[in-house]
Amino acid sequence: MAVNRNIIREDIECVSNAEFIPWDKMKGAAILITGATGLIGTTMIHSLNHANKTKTLNLKIIALVRDEKKAKKHFKDILDDGMLRLTEGTVEKLPEVDGPIDFIIHGASQTASKEFIRHAVETIETSVFGTFNLLKLAKEKSVKGFVYLSSMEVYGYPERGHKVTEDEIGSMTPLDLRNSYPISKIICESMCCAFAKEYGVPATICRLTQTFGPGVNCNDARIFAYFGRCINEKKNIVLKTKGETERCYLYTTDAVTAILMILLKGISGNAYNAADENTYCSIAEMAERIAADGGIQVEYDIQNEAVNGFPQTLYMNLDTNALKQLGWEPQGGYSISEMYQRMIDGTVS
């Protein structure tokens, strides 16, 4: 599948052109990034590489990857630029990281809903042990900033019509295997707060809504990737639920700028919602809109939600005022339809 490099380039330049990011705070910095080969991690690294060249930041990025050989292929276009260093290992068994580290962006996590059930233990292990190891490292290295990528799922199941702010948290049973993901996220957030208050680690939390854009792997199991494949292959969208869940979405580069703002300007121990509030809609509404744009139909094949790892119907209308008070705004301003078109054009095989 061909990739529209112009779209990728536009997105990378968009991050560099975000005037609200205090780039000067990053000059000469060494930044450790986990989850480096994921969608957000990849966009982050490519964006920082571009900013490094255009703003003469003299950055050093250490990317923690599970498979160095695979990661070399992943980042082959920028390895020769000299900014990026690959370190093979896992967050669960953190390798020795030599030299100073000024900032840590911790994004390593399981993301596939079915895996939260199939491998609940491993989901918890990656989240909890991994975050504890990274926070210990942050303490040892006396970092200037640490941001943990959490999830909107920590809010559980808010009432429809309720605007969700950072001072609330959801109630969920630990006896539902799928909750291995949100409950472990809550534990990690608690650790961030504890390290911030007890040890002075400048740990912050980014509660991301569902994020997508160019660079999504064509085999990604998440619903936005599935919709994109249906459009690209001219196949009808088949929903396995009624699609009543409502949420906001976020374009990938807007997630990157939000993370950087929280890293550089966020208050230690605090959490920040990250979403584009203008994208709020139900899954069914989104499916119908995308199908109409792509000339296909939406079909319904209702199945058991629990068996498939789908969360229950939720209404996740995130309030992003705290993030906006740091100076952040969505850069692209894309509609859902535009986000999908850019994702489809920038999908990787």
C-alpha atoms as a PDB file:
ATOM      1  CA  MET A   1       0.000   0.000   0.000  1.00  0.00           C
ATOM      2  CA  ALA A   2       1.425   3.379  -1.004  1.00  0.00           C
ATOM      3  CA  VAL A   3       1.897   6.011   1.677  1.00  0.00           C
ATOM      4  CA  ASN A   4       1.287   9.690   0.985  1.00  0.00           C
ATOM      5  CA  ARG A   5       4.570  11.138   2.236  1.00  0.00           C
ATOM      6  CA  ASN A   6       3.258  14.667   1.789  1.00  0.00           C
ATOM      7  CA  ILE A   7       0.692  14.105   4.537  1.00  0.00           C
ATOM      8  CA  ILE A   8       3.325  12.664   6.878  1.00  0.00           C
ATOM      9  CA  ARG A   9       5.573  15.632   6.146  1.00  0.00           C
ATOM     10  CA  GLU A  10       2.746  18.117   6.723  1.00  0.00           C
ATOM     11  CA  ASP A  11       1.986  16.560  10.095  1.00  0.00           C
ATOM     12  CA  ILE A  12       5.607  16.584  11.235  1.00  0.00           C
ATOM     13  CA  GLU A  13       5.972  20.222  10.206  1.00  0.00           C
ATOM     14  CA  CYS A  14       2.709  21.050  11.988  1.00  0.00           C
ATOM     15  CA  VAL A  15       4.196  19.944  15.310  1.00  0.00           C
ATOM     16  CA  SER A  16       7.377  21.954  14.743  1.00  0.00           C
ATOM     17  CA  ASN A  17       5.295  25.009  13.878  1.00  0.00           C
ATOM     18  CA  ALA A  18       3.291  24.852  17.115  1.00  0.00           C
ATOM     19  CA  GLU A  19       4.291  28.194  18.616  1.00  0.00           C
ATOM     20  CA  PHE A  20       2.701  27.422  21.981  1.00  0.00           C
ATOM     21  CA  ILE A  21       5.302  24.704  22.710  1.00  0.00           C
ATOM     22  CA  PRO A  22       8.214  26.184  24.747  1.00  0.00           C
ATOM     23  CA  TRP A  23      10.900  24.601  22.557  1.00  0.00           C
ATOM     24  CA  ASP A  24      13.710  26.437  24.380  1.00  0.00           C
ATOM     25  CA  LYS A  25      13.120  24.239  27.432  1.00  0.00           C
ATOM     26  CA  MET A  26      14.230  21.239  25.372  1.00  0.00           C
ATOM     27  CA  LYS A  27      17.516  22.618  24.054  1.00  0.00           C
ATOM     28  CA  GLY A  28      20.350  20.163  24.601  1.00  0.00           C
ATOM     29  CA  ALA A  29      17.995  17.686  26.287  1.00  0.00           C
ATOM     30  CA  ALA A  30      18.192  13.892  26.368  1.00  0.00           C
ATOM     31  CA  ILE A  31      14.701  12.376  26.125  1.00  0.00           C
ATOM     32  CA  LEU A  32      13.813   8.740  26.830  1.00  0.00           C
ATOM     33  CA  ILE A  33      10.709   7.513  24.981  1.00  0.00           C
ATOM     34  CA  THR A  34       8.971   4.194  25.618  1.00  0.00           C
ATOM     35  CA  GLY A  35       6.346   2.793  23.270  1.00  0.00           C
ATOM     36  CA  ALA A  36       8.582   4.304  20.604  1.00  0.00           C
ATOM     37  CA  THR A  37       7.346   2.220  17.658  1.00  0.00           C
ATOM     38  CA  GLY A  38       3.662   2.773  18.422  1.00  0.00           C
ATOM     39  CA  LEU A  39       1.581   5.322  16.514  1.00  0.00           C
ATOM     40  CA  ILE A  40       2.108   8.169  18.981  1.00  0.00           C
ATOM     41  CA  GLY A  41       5.724   7.277  19.751  1.00  0.00           C
ATOM     42  CA  THR A  42       6.644   7.153  16.072  1.00  0.00           C
ATOM     43  CA  THR A  43       4.955  10.472  15.308  1.00  0.00           C
ATOM     44  CA  MET A  44       6.619  11.998  18.368  1.00  0.00           C
ATOM     45  CA  ILE A  45      10.114  10.884  17.332  1.00  0.00           C
ATOM     46  CA  HIS A  46       9.760  12.000  13.713  1.00  0.00           C
ATOM     47  CA  SER A  47       8.335  15.342  14.844  1.00  0.00           C
ATOM     48  CA  LEU A  48      11.153  15.911  17.338  1.00  0.00           C
ATOM     49  CA  ASN A  49      13.708  14.978  14.698  1.00  0.00           C
ATOM     50  CA  HIS A  50      12.305  17.648  12.377  1.00  0.00           C
ATOM     51  CA  ALA A  51      12.147  20.234  15.160  1.00  0.00           C
ATOM     52  CA  ASN A  52      15.682  19.333  16.157  1.00  0.00           C
ATOM     53  CA  LYS A  53      16.954  20.247  12.688  1.00  0.00           C
ATOM     54  CA  THR A  54      14.835  23.329  12.070  1.00  0.00           C
ATOM     55  CA  LYS A  55      15.224  24.834  15.555  1.00  0.00           C
ATOM     56  CA  THR A  56      18.793  23.644  16.284  1.00  0.00           C
ATOM     57  CA  LEU A  57      17.726  22.030  19.564  1.00  0.00           C
ATOM     58  CA  ASN A  58      20.645  19.580  19.847  1.00  0.00           C
ATOM     59  CA  LEU A  59      18.301  16.883  21.132  1.00  0.00           C
ATOM     60  CA  LYS A  60      19.224  13.312  21.948  1.00  0.00           C
ATOM     61  CA  ILE A  61      16.402  10.756  21.849  1.00  0.00           C
ATOM     62  CA  ILE A  62      16.765   7.346  23.471  1.00  0.00           C
ATOM     63  CA  ALA A  63      14.028   5.045  22.191  1.00  0.00           C
ATOM     64  CA  LEU A  64      13.353   1.902  24.233  1.00  0.00           C
ATOM     65  CA  VAL A  65      12.295  -0.829  21.771  1.00  0.00           C
ATOM     66  CA  ARG A  66      11.532  -4.526  22.136  1.00  0.00           C
ATOM     67  CA  ASP A  67      13.145  -5.466  18.808  1.00  0.00           C
ATOM     68  CA  GLU A  68      16.088  -3.300  17.713  1.00  0.00           C
ATOM     69  CA  LYS A  69      16.313  -4.881  14.257  1.00  0.00           C
ATOM     70  CA  LYS A  70      12.658  -4.139  13.580  1.00  0.00           C
ATOM     71  CA  ALA A  71      13.001  -0.620  14.996  1.00  0.00           C
ATOM     72  CA  LYS A  72      15.954   0.111  12.689  1.00  0.00           C
ATOM     73  CA  LYS A  73      13.699  -0.572   9.712  1.00  0.00           C
ATOM     74  CA  HIS A  74      10.970   1.508  11.347  1.00  0.00           C
ATOM     75  CA  PHE A  75      13.202   4.572  11.750  1.00  0.00           C
ATOM     76  CA  LYS A  76      15.578   3.998   8.826  1.00  0.00           C
ATOM     77  CA  ASP A  77      14.803   7.435   7.340  1.00  0.00           C
ATOM     78  CA  ILE A  78      16.102   9.350  10.354  1.00  0.00           C
ATOM     79  CA  LEU A  79      18.750   7.175  12.028  1.00  0.00           C
ATOM     80  CA  ASP A  80      21.539   8.814  10.042  1.00  0.00           C
ATOM     81  CA  ASP A  81      20.522  12.252  11.381  1.00  0.00           C
ATOM     82  CA  GLY A  82      22.244  11.374  14.648  1.00  0.00           C
ATOM     83  CA  MET A  83      19.498  12.380  17.062  1.00  0.00           C
ATOM     84  CA  LEU A  84      18.000   8.929  17.697  1.00  0.00           C
ATOM     85  CA  ARG A  85      19.583   6.089  19.680  1.00  0.00           C
ATOM     86  CA  LEU A  86      17.830   2.722  19.937  1.00  0.00           C
ATOM     87  CA  THR A  87      18.030   0.706  23.148  1.00  0.00           C
ATOM     88  CA  GLU A  88      16.640  -2.824  23.115  1.00  0.00           C
ATOM     89  CA  GLY A  89      14.686  -3.974  26.144  1.00  0.00           C
ATOM     90  CA  THR A  90      11.333  -3.819  27.892  1.00  0.00           C
ATOM     91  CA  VAL A  91       9.855  -1.568  30.531  1.00  0.00           C
ATOM     92  CA  GLU A  92       9.161  -4.653  32.657  1.00  0.00           C
ATOM     93  CA  LYS A  93      12.884  -5.483  32.728  1.00  0.00           C
ATOM     94  CA  LEU A  94      14.390  -2.079  32.140  1.00  0.00           C
ATOM     95  CA  PRO A  95      17.927  -2.189  30.717  1.00  0.00           C
ATOM     96  CA  GLU A  96      20.697   0.054  31.992  1.00  0.00           C
ATOM     97  CA  VAL A  97      20.405   3.497  30.419  1.00  0.00           C
ATOM     98  CA  ASP A  98      23.768   5.247  30.374  1.00  0.00           C
ATOM     99  CA  GLY A  99      24.227   8.987  30.550  1.00  0.00           C
ATOM    100  CA  PRO A 100      21.901  11.797  31.594  1.00  0.00           C
ATOM    101  CA  ILE A 101      18.162  11.824  30.939  1.00  0.00           C
ATOM    102  CA  ASP A 102      16.316  15.134  31.123  1.00  0.00           C
ATOM    103  CA  PHE A 103      12.815  14.044  30.113  1.00  0.00           C
ATOM    104  CA  ILE A 104      10.844  10.796  29.954  1.00  0.00           C
ATOM    105  CA  ILE A 105       7.778  10.191  27.785  1.00  0.00           C
ATOM    106  CA  HIS A 106       6.318   6.869  28.916  1.00  0.00           C
ATOM    107  CA  GLY A 107       3.916   5.426  26.367  1.00  0.00           C
ATOM    108  CA  ALA A 108       4.592   1.675  26.479  1.00  0.00           C
ATOM    109  CA  SER A 109       1.296  -0.151  26.997  1.00  0.00           C
ATOM    110  CA  GLN A 110      -0.961  -2.873  25.683  1.00  0.00           C
ATOM    111  CA  THR A 111      -3.598  -1.266  23.424  1.00  0.00           C
ATOM    112  CA  ALA A 112      -5.664  -4.120  21.941  1.00  0.00           C
ATOM    113  CA  SER A 113      -8.950  -4.695  23.785  1.00  0.00           C
ATOM    114  CA  LYS A 114      -8.965  -8.455  23.211  1.00  0.00           C
ATOM    115  CA  GLU A 115      -5.518  -8.709  24.783  1.00  0.00           C
ATOM    116  CA  PHE A 116      -6.802  -7.105  27.994  1.00  0.00           C
ATOM    117  CA  ILE A 117      -8.796 -10.325  28.428  1.00  0.00           C
ATOM    118  CA  ARG A 118      -6.497 -12.902  26.778  1.00  0.00           C
ATOM    119  CA  HIS A 119      -3.396 -11.609  28.551  1.00  0.00           C
ATOM    120  CA  ALA A 120      -4.697  -9.700  31.546  1.00  0.00           C
ATOM    121  CA  VAL A 121      -1.657 -10.582  33.670  1.00  0.00           C
ATOM    122  CA  GLU A 122       0.747  -9.304  31.039  1.00  0.00           C
ATOM    123  CA  THR A 123      -1.358  -6.150  30.571  1.00  0.00           C
ATOM    124  CA  ILE A 124      -1.038  -5.413  34.284  1.00  0.00           C
ATOM    125  CA  GLU A 125       2.643  -6.363  34.342  1.00  0.00           C
ATOM    126  CA  THR A 126       3.563  -3.973  31.534  1.00  0.00           C
ATOM    127  CA  SER A 127       1.603  -1.112  33.031  1.00  0.00           C
ATOM    128  CA  VAL A 128       2.427  -1.436  36.709  1.00  0.00           C
ATOM    129  CA  PHE A 129       5.986  -2.824  36.748  1.00  0.00           C
ATOM    130  CA  GLY A 130       6.957  -0.788  33.707  1.00  0.00           C
ATOM    131  CA  THR A 131       5.738   2.502  35.139  1.00  0.00           C
ATOM    132  CA  PHE A 132       7.334   1.799  38.521  1.00  0.00           C
ATOM    133  CA  ASN A 133      10.668   1.125  36.805  1.00  0.00           C
ATOM    134  CA  LEU A 134      10.452   4.308  34.754  1.00  0.00           C
ATOM    135  CA  LEU A 135       9.549   6.422  37.785  1.00  0.00           C
ATOM    136  CA  LYS A 136      12.507   4.974  39.707  1.00  0.00           C
ATOM    137  CA  LEU A 137      14.745   5.837  36.774  1.00  0.00           C
ATOM    138  CA  ALA A 138      13.293   9.353  36.666  1.00  0.00           C
ATOM    139  CA  LYS A 139      14.154   9.752  40.350  1.00  0.00           C
ATOM    140  CA  GLU A 140      17.691   8.430  39.872  1.00  0.00           C
ATOM    141  CA  LYS A 141      18.351  10.670  36.862  1.00  0.00           C
ATOM    142  CA  SER A 142      16.733  13.772  38.464  1.00  0.00           C
ATOM    143  CA  VAL A 143      14.705  14.403  35.313  1.00  0.00           C
ATOM    144  CA  LYS A 144      13.192  17.790  34.506  1.00  0.00           C
ATOM    145  CA  GLY A 145       9.950  16.303  33.254  1.00  0.00           C
ATOM    146  CA  PHE A 146       8.056  12.992  33.101  1.00  0.00           C
ATOM    147  CA  VAL A 147       4.748  12.361  31.349  1.00  0.00           C
ATOM    148  CA  TYR A 148       2.777   9.124  31.632  1.00  0.00           C
ATOM    149  CA  LEU A 149       0.338   8.326  28.829  1.00  0.00           C
ATOM    150  CA  SER A 150      -2.825   7.182  30.547  1.00  0.00           C
ATOM    151  CA  SER A 151      -6.312   6.700  29.149  1.00  0.00           C
ATOM    152  CA  MET A 152      -9.832   8.098  29.243  1.00  0.00           C
ATOM    153  CA  GLU A 153     -10.873   4.622  30.435  1.00  0.00           C
ATOM    154  CA  VAL A 154      -9.862   5.521  34.008  1.00  0.00           C
ATOM    155  CA  TYR A 155     -13.174   7.411  34.180  1.00  0.00           C
ATOM    156  CA  GLY A 156     -15.229   4.242  33.972  1.00  0.00           C
ATOM    157  CA  TYR A 157     -18.758   4.938  32.757  1.00  0.00           C
ATOM    158  CA  PRO A 158     -19.827   8.584  33.193  1.00  0.00           C
ATOM    159  CA  GLU A 159     -23.469   9.534  32.748  1.00  0.00           C
ATOM    160  CA  ARG A 160     -24.572  10.684  29.316  1.00  0.00           C
ATOM    161  CA  GLY A 161     -24.443  14.459  29.017  1.00  0.00           C
ATOM    162  CA  HIS A 162     -21.853  14.809  31.777  1.00  0.00           C
ATOM    163  CA  LYS A 163     -18.662  16.735  31.002  1.00  0.00           C
ATOM    164  CA  VAL A 164     -15.767  14.736  32.466  1.00  0.00           C
ATOM    165  CA  THR A 165     -13.053  16.647  34.337  1.00  0.00           C
ATOM    166  CA  GLU A 166      -9.773  15.445  35.798  1.00  0.00           C
ATOM    167  CA  ASP A 167     -10.917  15.553  39.435  1.00  0.00           C
ATOM    168  CA  GLU A 168     -13.142  12.476  39.112  1.00  0.00           C
ATOM    169  CA  ILE A 169     -12.439   8.792  38.591  1.00  0.00           C
ATOM    170  CA  GLY A 170     -14.528   5.807  37.595  1.00  0.00           C
ATOM    171  CA  SER A 171     -15.826   2.893  39.617  1.00  0.00           C
ATOM    172  CA  MET A 172     -15.169  -0.510  38.066  1.00  0.00           C
ATOM    173  CA  THR A 173     -14.994  -4.090  39.266  1.00  0.00           C
ATOM    174  CA  PRO A 174     -11.575  -5.805  39.381  1.00  0.00           C
ATOM    175  CA  LEU A 175     -13.398  -9.104  38.698  1.00  0.00           C
ATOM    176  CA  ASP A 176     -13.970  -8.167  35.030  1.00  0.00           C
ATOM    177  CA  LEU A 177     -10.810  -9.200  33.157  1.00  0.00           C
ATOM    178  CA  ARG A 178     -11.098  -6.363  30.670  1.00  0.00           C
ATOM    179  CA  ASN A 179     -10.638  -3.934  33.547  1.00  0.00           C
ATOM    180  CA  SER A 180      -7.044  -5.141  33.824  1.00  0.00           C
ATOM    181  CA  TYR A 181      -6.295  -2.203  31.523  1.00  0.00           C
ATOM    182  CA  PRO A 182      -8.082   0.768  33.153  1.00  0.00           C
ATOM    183  CA  ILE A 183      -7.422  -0.385  36.719  1.00  0.00           C
ATOM    184  CA  SER A 184      -3.707  -0.796  36.009  1.00  0.00           C
ATOM    185  CA  LYS A 185      -3.744   2.687  34.471  1.00  0.00           C
ATOM    186  CA  ILE A 186      -5.250   4.047  37.686  1.00  0.00           C
ATOM    187  CA  ILE A 187      -2.518   2.334  39.727  1.00  0.00           C
ATOM    188  CA  CYS A 188       0.119   3.893  37.468  1.00  0.00           C
ATOM    189  CA  GLU A 189      -1.423   7.324  37.888  1.00  0.00           C
ATOM    190  CA  SER A 190      -1.314   6.835  41.647  1.00  0.00           C
ATOM    191  CA  MET A 191       2.384   5.945  41.424  1.00  0.00           C
ATOM    192  CA  CYS A 192       3.054   9.098  39.393  1.00  0.00           C
ATOM    193  CA  CYS A 193       1.362  11.177  42.075  1.00  0.00           C
ATOM    194  CA  ALA A 194       3.227   9.339  44.850  1.00  0.00           C
ATOM    195  CA  PHE A 195       6.641   9.817  43.246  1.00  0.00           C
ATOM    196  CA  ALA A 196       5.816  13.475  42.641  1.00  0.00           C
ATOM    197  CA  LYS A 197       4.754  14.179  46.228  1.00  0.00           C
ATOM    198  CA  GLU A 198       7.210  11.949  48.097  1.00  0.00           C
ATOM    199  CA  TYR A 199      10.342  12.239  45.963  1.00  0.00           C
ATOM    200  CA  GLY A 200       9.804  15.414  43.974  1.00  0.00           C
ATOM    201  CA  VAL A 201       9.772  13.617  40.611  1.00  0.00           C
ATOM    202  CA  PRO A 202       8.074  16.028  38.140  1.00  0.00           C
ATOM    203  CA  ALA A 203       5.590  13.366  37.016  1.00  0.00           C
ATOM    204  CA  THR A 204       2.512  14.375  35.028  1.00  0.00           C
ATOM    205  CA  ILE A 205      -0.310  12.391  33.439  1.00  0.00           C
ATOM    206  CA  CYS A 206      -1.887  12.678  29.988  1.00  0.00           C
ATOM    207  CA  ARG A 207      -5.332  11.053  29.803  1.00  0.00           C
ATOM    208  CA  LEU A 208      -5.693  10.433  26.088  1.00  0.00           C
ATOM    209  CA  THR A 209      -8.899   9.817  24.219  1.00  0.00           C
ATOM    210  CA  GLN A 210      -8.800   7.474  21.212  1.00  0.00           C
ATOM    211  CA  THR A 211      -6.126   8.818  18.888  1.00  0.00           C
ATOM    212  CA  PHE A 212      -5.544   8.138  15.198  1.00  0.00           C
ATOM    213  CA  GLY A 213      -4.027   9.562  12.029  1.00  0.00           C
ATOM    214  CA  PRO A 214      -1.394   8.764   9.385  1.00  0.00           C
ATOM    215  CA  GLY A 215       0.949   5.930  10.283  1.00  0.00           C
ATOM    216  CA  VAL A 216      -1.675   3.506  11.566  1.00  0.00           C
ATOM    217  CA  ASN A 217      -0.694  -0.053  10.693  1.00  0.00           C
ATOM    218  CA  CYS A 218      -3.161  -1.569   8.243  1.00  0.00           C
ATOM    219  CA  ASN A 219      -3.513  -4.613  10.549  1.00  0.00           C
ATOM    220  CA  ASP A 220      -4.337  -2.562  13.648  1.00  0.00           C
ATOM    221  CA  ALA A 221      -7.321  -4.143  15.424  1.00  0.00           C
ATOM    222  CA  ARG A 222      -8.815  -0.922  16.777  1.00  0.00           C
ATOM    223  CA  ILE A 223     -12.111   0.321  15.369  1.00  0.00           C
ATOM    224  CA  PHE A 224     -10.759   3.404  13.606  1.00  0.00           C
ATOM    225  CA  ALA A 225      -8.269   1.237  11.667  1.00  0.00           C
ATOM    226  CA  TYR A 226     -11.050  -1.192  10.784  1.00  0.00           C
ATOM    227  CA  PHE A 227     -13.213   1.650   9.444  1.00  0.00           C
ATOM    228  CA  GLY A 228     -10.254   2.867   7.401  1.00  0.00           C
ATOM    229  CA  ARG A 229      -9.691  -0.588   5.895  1.00  0.00           C
ATOM    230  CA  CYS A 230     -13.367  -0.825   4.951  1.00  0.00           C
ATOM    231  CA  ILE A 231     -13.174   2.481   3.101  1.00  0.00           C
ATOM    232  CA  ASN A 232      -9.937   1.556   1.362  1.00  0.00           C
ATOM    233  CA  GLU A 233     -11.191  -1.896   0.333  1.00  0.00           C
ATOM    234  CA  LYS A 234     -14.740  -0.698  -0.500  1.00  0.00           C
ATOM    235  CA  LYS A 235     -16.275  -3.173   1.952  1.00  0.00           C
ATOM    236  CA  ASN A 236     -19.281  -2.408   4.126  1.00  0.00           C
ATOM    237  CA  ILE A 237     -18.622  -1.549   7.769  1.00  0.00           C
ATOM    238  CA  VAL A 238     -19.975  -4.291  10.041  1.00  0.00           C
ATOM    239  CA  LEU A 239     -20.616  -3.143  13.618  1.00  0.00           C
ATOM    240  CA  LYS A 240     -20.603  -5.860  16.299  1.00  0.00           C
ATOM    241  CA  THR A 241     -22.429  -3.555  18.754  1.00  0.00           C
ATOM    242  CA  LYS A 242     -25.177  -0.956  18.376  1.00  0.00           C
ATOM    243  CA  GLY A 243     -22.445   1.659  18.301  1.00  0.00           C
ATOM    244  CA  GLU A 244     -24.010   3.687  21.102  1.00  0.00           C
ATOM    245  CA  THR A 245     -20.705   4.577  22.772  1.00  0.00           C
ATOM    246  CA  GLU A 246     -19.968   8.299  22.493  1.00  0.00           C
ATOM    247  CA  ARG A 247     -16.513   9.835  22.799  1.00  0.00           C
ATOM    248  CA  CYS A 248     -14.145  12.496  21.536  1.00  0.00           C
ATOM    249  CA  TYR A 249     -11.223  11.672  19.266  1.00  0.00           C
ATOM    250  CA  LEU A 250      -7.798  13.198  18.721  1.00  0.00           C
ATOM    251  CA  TYR A 251      -5.613  13.545  15.652  1.00  0.00           C
ATOM    252  CA  THR A 252      -2.140  12.077  16.126  1.00  0.00           C
ATOM    253  CA  THR A 253      -0.155  15.299  15.861  1.00  0.00           C
ATOM    254  CA  ASP A 254      -2.528  16.993  18.307  1.00  0.00           C
ATOM    255  CA  ALA A 255      -1.770  14.178  20.748  1.00  0.00           C
ATOM    256  CA  VAL A 256       1.950  14.835  20.258  1.00  0.00           C
ATOM    257  CA  THR A 257       1.638  18.573  20.930  1.00  0.00           C
ATOM    258  CA  ALA A 258      -0.581  17.879  23.960  1.00  0.00           C
ATOM    259  CA  ILE A 259       2.003  15.467  25.404  1.00  0.00           C
ATOM    260  CA  LEU A 260       4.818  17.949  24.877  1.00  0.00           C
ATOM    261  CA  MET A 261       2.842  20.729  26.555  1.00  0.00           C
ATOM    262  CA  ILE A 262       2.092  18.549  29.575  1.00  0.00           C
ATOM    263  CA  LEU A 263       5.731  17.426  29.727  1.00  0.00           C
ATOM    264  CA  LEU A 264       7.082  20.983  29.591  1.00  0.00           C
ATOM    265  CA  LYS A 265       4.379  23.039  31.316  1.00  0.00           C
ATOM    266  CA  GLY A 266       2.215  20.597  33.301  1.00  0.00           C
ATOM    267  CA  ILE A 267       1.994  20.772  37.079  1.00  0.00           C
ATOM    268  CA  SER A 268       3.761  17.889  38.812  1.00  0.00           C
ATOM    269  CA  GLY A 269       1.312  15.274  40.113  1.00  0.00           C
ATOM    270  CA  ASN A 270      -1.549  16.530  37.927  1.00  0.00           C
ATOM    271  CA  ALA A 271      -3.526  14.827  35.152  1.00  0.00           C
ATOM    272  CA  TYR A 272      -4.730  16.433  31.913  1.00  0.00           C
ATOM    273  CA  ASN A 273      -7.434  15.277  29.502  1.00  0.00           C
ATOM    274  CA  ALA A 274      -6.328  15.302  25.858  1.00  0.00           C
ATOM    275  CA  ALA A 275      -9.055  15.301  23.204  1.00  0.00           C
ATOM    276  CA  ASP A 276     -10.576  17.385  20.432  1.00  0.00           C
ATOM    277  CA  GLU A 277     -13.961  18.233  21.903  1.00  0.00           C
ATOM    278  CA  ASN A 278     -15.342  19.140  18.455  1.00  0.00           C
ATOM    279  CA  THR A 279     -15.159  15.487  17.365  1.00  0.00           C
ATOM    280  CA  TYR A 280     -17.600  14.142  19.983  1.00  0.00           C
ATOM    281  CA  CYS A 281     -19.997  11.600  18.438  1.00  0.00           C
ATOM    282  CA  SER A 282     -21.241   8.029  18.769  1.00  0.00           C
ATOM    283  CA  ILE A 283     -19.534   5.109  17.034  1.00  0.00           C
ATOM    284  CA  ALA A 284     -22.677   4.551  14.953  1.00  0.00           C
ATOM    285  CA  GLU A 285     -22.761   8.217  13.898  1.00  0.00           C
ATOM    286  CA  MET A 286     -19.093   8.077  12.973  1.00  0.00           C
ATOM    287  CA  ALA A 287     -19.566   4.838  11.018  1.00  0.00           C
ATOM    288  CA  GLU A 288     -22.507   6.267   9.049  1.00  0.00           C
ATOM    289  CA  ARG A 289     -20.582   9.463   8.295  1.00  0.00           C
ATOM    290  CA  ILE A 290     -17.444   7.633   7.160  1.00  0.00           C
ATOM    291  CA  ALA A 291     -19.439   5.102   5.139  1.00  0.00           C
ATOM    292  CA  ALA A 292     -21.303   7.887   3.324  1.00  0.00           C
ATOM    293  CA  ASP A 293     -17.994   9.584   2.499  1.00  0.00           C
ATOM    294  CA  GLY A 294     -16.569   6.319   1.171  1.00  0.00           C
ATOM    295  CA  GLY A 295     -19.611   5.132  -0.766  1.00  0.00           C
ATOM    296  CA  ILE A 296     -20.231   2.041   1.374  1.00  0.00           C
ATOM    297  CA  GLN A 297     -22.901   0.925   3.864  1.00  0.00           C
ATOM    298  CA  VAL A 298     -23.063   0.132   7.580  1.00  0.00           C
ATOM    299  CA  GLU A 299     -24.321  -3.301   8.634  1.00  0.00           C
ATOM    300  CA  TYR A 300     -25.019  -4.568  12.158  1.00  0.00           C
ATOM    301  CA  ASP A 301     -24.047  -8.015  13.474  1.00  0.00           C
ATOM    302  CA  ILE A 302     -24.632  -7.608  17.214  1.00  0.00           C
ATOM    303  CA  GLN A 303     -22.396  -9.867  19.331  1.00  0.00           C
ATOM    304  CA  ASN A 304     -21.577 -10.364  22.994  1.00  0.00           C
ATOM    305  CA  GLU A 305     -19.516  -7.358  24.077  1.00  0.00           C
ATOM    306  CA  ALA A 306     -17.674  -9.112  26.908  1.00  0.00           C
ATOM    307  CA  VAL A 307     -16.496 -12.031  24.750  1.00  0.00           C
ATOM    308  CA  ASN A 308     -14.993  -9.661  22.175  1.00  0.00           C
ATOM    309  CA  GLY A 309     -13.330  -7.454  24.737  1.00  0.00           C
ATOM    310  CA  PHE A 310     -15.454  -4.423  23.904  1.00  0.00           C
ATOM    311  CA  PRO A 311     -16.085  -2.000  26.769  1.00  0.00           C
ATOM    312  CA  GLN A 312     -19.667  -1.416  27.816  1.00  0.00           C
ATOM    313  CA  THR A 313     -21.511   1.505  26.255  1.00  0.00           C
ATOM    314  CA  LEU A 314     -19.912   4.677  27.576  1.00  0.00           C
ATOM    315  CA  TYR A 315     -20.301   8.416  27.217  1.00  0.00           C
ATOM    316  CA  MET A 316     -16.841   9.949  27.411  1.00  0.00           C
ATOM    317  CA  ASN A 317     -17.258  13.678  26.851  1.00  0.00           C
ATOM    318  CA  LEU A 318     -13.889  14.949  28.055  1.00  0.00           C
ATOM    319  CA  ASP A 319     -13.364  18.478  29.337  1.00  0.00           C
ATOM    320  CA  THR A 320      -9.989  19.786  28.095  1.00  0.00           C
ATOM    321  CA  ASN A 321      -9.926  23.171  29.844  1.00  0.00           C
ATOM    322  CA  ALA A 322      -6.966  22.210  32.056  1.00  0.00           C
ATOM    323  CA  LEU A 323      -4.849  21.371  29.005  1.00  0.00           C
ATOM    324  CA  LYS A 324      -5.966  24.511  27.179  1.00  0.00           C
ATOM    325  CA  GLN A 325      -4.965  26.601  30.177  1.00  0.00           C
ATOM    326  CA  LEU A 326      -1.383  25.430  29.539  1.00  0.00           C
ATOM    327  CA  GLY A 327      -1.701  27.069  26.113  1.00  0.00           C
ATOM    328  CA  TRP A 328      -2.581  24.025  23.989  1.00  0.00           C
ATOM    329  CA  GLU A 329      -5.053  24.014  21.101  1.00  0.00           C
ATOM    330  CA  PRO A 330      -5.689  21.403  18.375  1.00  0.00           C
ATOM    331  CA  GLN A 331      -3.490  22.453  15.453  1.00  0.00           C
ATOM    332  CA  GLY A 332      -5.117  20.642  12.541  1.00  0.00           C
ATOM    333  CA  GLY A 333      -8.747  21.436  13.304  1.00  0.00           C
ATOM    334  CA  TYR A 334      -9.744  18.451  11.194  1.00  0.00           C
ATOM    335  CA  SER A 335     -13.258  17.048  11.108  1.00  0.00           C
ATOM    336  CA  ILE A 336     -13.772  13.320  11.666  1.00  0.00           C
ATOM    337  CA  SER A 337     -14.049  12.833   7.896  1.00  0.00           C
ATOM    338  CA  GLU A 338     -10.792  14.718   7.295  1.00  0.00           C
ATOM    339  CA  MET A 339      -9.021  12.754  10.024  1.00  0.00           C
ATOM    340  CA  TYR A 340     -10.080   9.502   8.357  1.00  0.00           C
ATOM    341  CA  GLN A 341      -8.990  10.603   4.915  1.00  0.00           C
ATOM    342  CA  ARG A 342      -5.565  11.587   6.201  1.00  0.00           C
ATOM    343  CA  MET A 343      -5.277   8.316   8.116  1.00  0.00           C
ATOM    344  CA  ILE A 344      -6.210   6.280   5.021  1.00  0.00           C
ATOM    345  CA  ASP A 345      -3.755   8.156   2.820  1.00  0.00           C
ATOM    346  CA  GLY A 346      -1.001   7.726   5.416  1.00  0.00           C
ATOM    347  CA  THR A 347      -1.630   4.086   6.402  1.00  0.00           C
ATOM    348  CA  VAL A 348       1.381   1.757   6.426  1.00  0.00           C
ATOM    349  CA  SER A 349       1.310  -1.847   5.296  1.00  0.00           C
END
